[in-house]
C-alpha atoms as a PDB file:
ATOM      1  CA  MET A   1      45.820 -18.575  -3.490  1.00  0.00           C
ATOM      2  CA  ALA A   2      49.287 -19.141  -4.853  1.00  0.00           C
ATOM      3  CA  THR A   3      50.233 -22.689  -5.726  1.00  0.00           C
ATOM      4  CA  THR A   4      53.709 -23.272  -4.342  1.00  0.00           C
ATOM      5  CA  PRO A   5      56.052 -26.260  -4.420  1.00  0.00           C
ATOM      6  CA  PRO A   6      56.978 -28.176  -1.292  1.00  0.00           C
ATOM      7  CA  PRO A   7      59.191 -26.112   1.043  1.00  0.00           C
ATOM      8  CA  PRO A   8      61.724 -24.734   1.398  1.00  0.00           C
ATOM      9  CA  TYR A   9      61.179 -21.506  -0.517  1.00  0.00           C
ATOM     10  CA  LEU A  10      61.094 -17.819   0.349  1.00  0.00           C
ATOM     11  CA  ALA A  11      58.253 -15.394   1.013  1.00  0.00           C
ATOM     12  CA  VAL A  12      58.456 -11.623   0.619  1.00  0.00           C
ATOM     13  CA  LEU A  13      55.881 -10.000   2.908  1.00  0.00           C
ATOM     14  CA  PHE A  14      54.969  -6.455   1.914  1.00  0.00           C
ATOM     15  CA  THR A  15      52.660  -4.855   4.497  1.00  0.00           C
ATOM     16  CA  ASN A  16      51.513  -1.327   3.708  1.00  0.00           C
ATOM     17  CA  ARG A  17      48.911   1.382   3.947  1.00  0.00           C
ATOM     18  CA  ARG A  18      47.876   3.191   0.791  1.00  0.00           C
ATOM     19  CA  ALA A  19      47.911   6.982   0.730  1.00  0.00           C
ATOM     20  CA  PRO A  20      44.766   8.656  -0.621  1.00  0.00           C
ATOM     21  CA  GLY A  21      44.398   9.242  -4.366  1.00  0.00           C
ATOM     22  CA  ASN A  22      45.911   8.107  -7.653  1.00  0.00           C
ATOM     23  CA  ASP A  23      44.097   4.753  -7.672  1.00  0.00           C
ATOM     24  CA  GLN A  24      44.170   4.346 -11.462  1.00  0.00           C
ATOM     25  CA  ALA A  25      47.949   4.763 -11.723  1.00  0.00           C
ATOM     26  CA  TYR A  26      48.437   2.429  -8.756  1.00  0.00           C
ATOM     27  CA  ASP A  27      46.149  -0.260 -10.195  1.00  0.00           C
ATOM     28  CA  THR A  28      47.801  -0.043 -13.614  1.00  0.00           C
ATOM     29  CA  THR A  29      51.268  -0.295 -12.093  1.00  0.00           C
ATOM     30  CA  ALA A  30      50.275  -3.161  -9.790  1.00  0.00           C
ATOM     31  CA  ALA A  31      48.973  -5.135 -12.770  1.00  0.00           C
ATOM     32  CA  ARG A  32      52.199  -4.453 -14.674  1.00  0.00           C
ATOM     33  CA  MET A  33      54.323  -5.509 -11.687  1.00  0.00           C
ATOM     34  CA  LEU A  34      52.487  -8.837 -11.513  1.00  0.00           C
ATOM     35  CA  GLU A  35      52.996  -9.321 -15.241  1.00  0.00           C
ATOM     36  CA  LEU A  36      56.723  -8.624 -14.869  1.00  0.00           C
ATOM     37  CA  ALA A  37      57.205 -10.720 -11.722  1.00  0.00           C
ATOM     38  CA  GLN A  38      55.769 -13.718 -13.538  1.00  0.00           C
ATOM     39  CA  THR A  39      58.629 -13.453 -16.068  1.00  0.00           C
ATOM     40  CA  ILE A  40      61.339 -13.751 -13.390  1.00  0.00           C
ATOM     41  CA  ASP A  41      62.866 -17.203 -13.125  1.00  0.00           C
ATOM     42  CA  GLY A  42      62.171 -18.316  -9.560  1.00  0.00           C
ATOM     43  CA  PHE A  43      58.826 -16.528  -9.103  1.00  0.00           C
ATOM     44  CA  LEU A  44      56.386 -19.011  -7.558  1.00  0.00           C
ATOM     45  CA  GLY A  45      53.203 -17.012  -6.957  1.00  0.00           C
ATOM     46  CA  ILE A  46      51.536 -14.170  -5.123  1.00  0.00           C
ATOM     47  CA  GLU A  47      48.678 -13.479  -2.701  1.00  0.00           C
ATOM     48  CA  SER A  48      47.324 -10.049  -1.822  1.00  0.00           C
ATOM     49  CA  ILE A  49      44.550  -8.512   0.258  1.00  0.00           C
ATOM     50  CA  ARG A  50      43.550  -4.954   1.250  1.00  0.00           C
ATOM     51  CA  SER A  51      41.183  -3.844   4.026  1.00  0.00           C
ATOM     52  CA  ALA A  52      38.687  -0.974   3.986  1.00  0.00           C
ATOM     53  CA  ASP A  53      41.173   1.285   5.812  1.00  0.00           C
ATOM     54  CA  GLN A  54      43.640   0.723   2.921  1.00  0.00           C
ATOM     55  CA  THR A  55      46.019  -1.464   4.928  1.00  0.00           C
ATOM     56  CA  GLY A  56      47.201  -4.303   2.745  1.00  0.00           C
ATOM     57  CA  ILE A  57      49.550  -7.231   2.605  1.00  0.00           C
ATOM     58  CA  THR A  58      51.049  -8.841  -0.452  1.00  0.00           C
ATOM     59  CA  ILE A  59      53.057 -12.018  -0.138  1.00  0.00           C
ATOM     60  CA  SER A  60      55.137 -13.118  -3.079  1.00  0.00           C
ATOM     61  CA  TYR A  61      56.841 -16.505  -3.131  1.00  0.00           C
ATOM     62  CA  TRP A  62      60.274 -17.148  -4.603  1.00  0.00           C
ATOM     63  CA  ARG A  63      62.589 -20.091  -5.134  1.00  0.00           C
ATOM     64  CA  ASP A  64      65.718 -18.384  -3.756  1.00  0.00           C
ATOM     65  CA  HIS A  65      67.400 -15.118  -2.794  1.00  0.00           C
ATOM     66  CA  GLU A  66      68.831 -14.689  -6.286  1.00  0.00           C
ATOM     67  CA  SER A  67      65.364 -14.584  -7.854  1.00  0.00           C
ATOM     68  CA  ILE A  68      64.225 -12.025  -5.242  1.00  0.00           C
ATOM     69  CA  GLU A  69      67.261  -9.883  -6.019  1.00  0.00           C
ATOM     70  CA  THR A  70      66.562 -10.103  -9.768  1.00  0.00           C
ATOM     71  CA  TRP A  71      63.034  -8.872  -9.084  1.00  0.00           C
ATOM     72  CA  ARG A  72      64.126  -6.151  -6.656  1.00  0.00           C
ATOM     73  CA  ALA A  73      66.579  -4.744  -9.203  1.00  0.00           C
ATOM     74  CA  HIS A  74      64.297  -4.910 -12.270  1.00  0.00           C
ATOM     75  CA  PRO A  75      64.274  -1.383 -13.809  1.00  0.00           C
ATOM     76  CA  GLU A  76      60.460  -1.090 -13.987  1.00  0.00           C
ATOM     77  CA  HIS A  77      60.153  -2.395 -10.448  1.00  0.00           C
ATOM     78  CA  LEU A  78      62.713   0.189  -9.287  1.00  0.00           C
ATOM     79  CA  ASP A  79      60.550   2.911 -10.891  1.00  0.00           C
ATOM     80  CA  ALA A  80      57.463   1.528  -9.133  1.00  0.00           C
ATOM     81  CA  GLN A  81      59.334   1.551  -5.803  1.00  0.00           C
ATOM     82  CA  VAL A  82      60.085   5.269  -6.257  1.00  0.00           C
ATOM     83  CA  ALA A  83      56.426   5.988  -7.072  1.00  0.00           C
ATOM     84  CA  GLY A  84      55.353   3.924  -4.069  1.00  0.00           C
ATOM     85  CA  ARG A  85      57.406   6.039  -1.703  1.00  0.00           C
ATOM     86  CA  SER A  86      56.446   9.363  -3.293  1.00  0.00           C
ATOM     87  CA  ASP A  87      52.792   8.768  -4.249  1.00  0.00           C
ATOM     88  CA  TRP A  88      51.121   5.556  -3.142  1.00  0.00           C
ATOM     89  CA  TYR A  89      52.064   4.518   0.386  1.00  0.00           C
ATOM     90  CA  ALA A  90      51.651   6.220   3.742  1.00  0.00           C
ATOM     91  CA  TRP A  91      53.977   3.525   5.134  1.00  0.00           C
ATOM     92  CA  TYR A  92      55.213   0.046   4.393  1.00  0.00           C
ATOM     93  CA  GLU A  93      57.258  -2.794   5.890  1.00  0.00           C
ATOM     94  CA  LEU A  94      59.044  -5.399   3.810  1.00  0.00           C
ATOM     95  CA  ARG A  95      60.203  -8.697   5.251  1.00  0.00           C
ATOM     96  CA  ILE A  96      61.748 -11.818   3.722  1.00  0.00           C
ATOM     97  CA  ALA A  97      61.098 -15.163   5.375  1.00  0.00           C
ATOM     98  CA  GLU A  98      61.937 -18.766   4.657  1.00  0.00           C
ATOM     99  CA  VAL A  99      58.952 -21.088   4.395  1.00  0.00           C
ATOM    100  CA  THR A 100      59.948 -24.352   6.034  1.00  0.00           C
ATOM    101  CA  ARG A 101      56.520 -25.949   6.361  1.00  0.00           C
ATOM    102  CA  ALA A 102      53.271 -25.577   4.455  1.00  0.00           C
ATOM    103  CA  ALA A 103      49.851 -27.180   4.815  1.00  0.00           C
ATOM    104  CA  SER A 104      46.493 -26.485   3.228  1.00  0.00           C
ATOM    105  CA  TYR A 105      42.805 -27.253   3.610  1.00  0.00           C
ATOM    106  CA  THR A 106      39.823 -26.905   1.318  1.00  0.00           C
ATOM    107  CA  ALA A 107      36.272 -27.541   2.536  1.00  0.00           C
ATOM    108  CA  SER A 108      34.302 -30.002   0.452  1.00  0.00           C
ATOM    109  CA  ASP A 109      31.014 -29.064  -1.202  1.00  0.00           C
ATOM    110  CA  ALA A 110      29.221 -31.977   0.504  1.00  0.00           C
END
């Protein structure tokens, strides 16, 4: 789970379905994208999950629209976007939302 500051902040929701094949290149690129995103001022964290049918959702958290735009326009990220459309995704949806409230719960070990 991402550790985020108190709201408000932004969430980029990337829902997708992977196309068959090229798992190694995808995994390598995904790891590199995380590494790069963490260098962007305003990046707050990320959460990601993928089901057995290859549908996934990744939510990245950002301080503001400017930090999202810096990430969107990063040259390596632009290259990964091209590869995503040509090689890795059957479909995707991208949404940006403002987080105005957040709460959490963790069960105790007792």
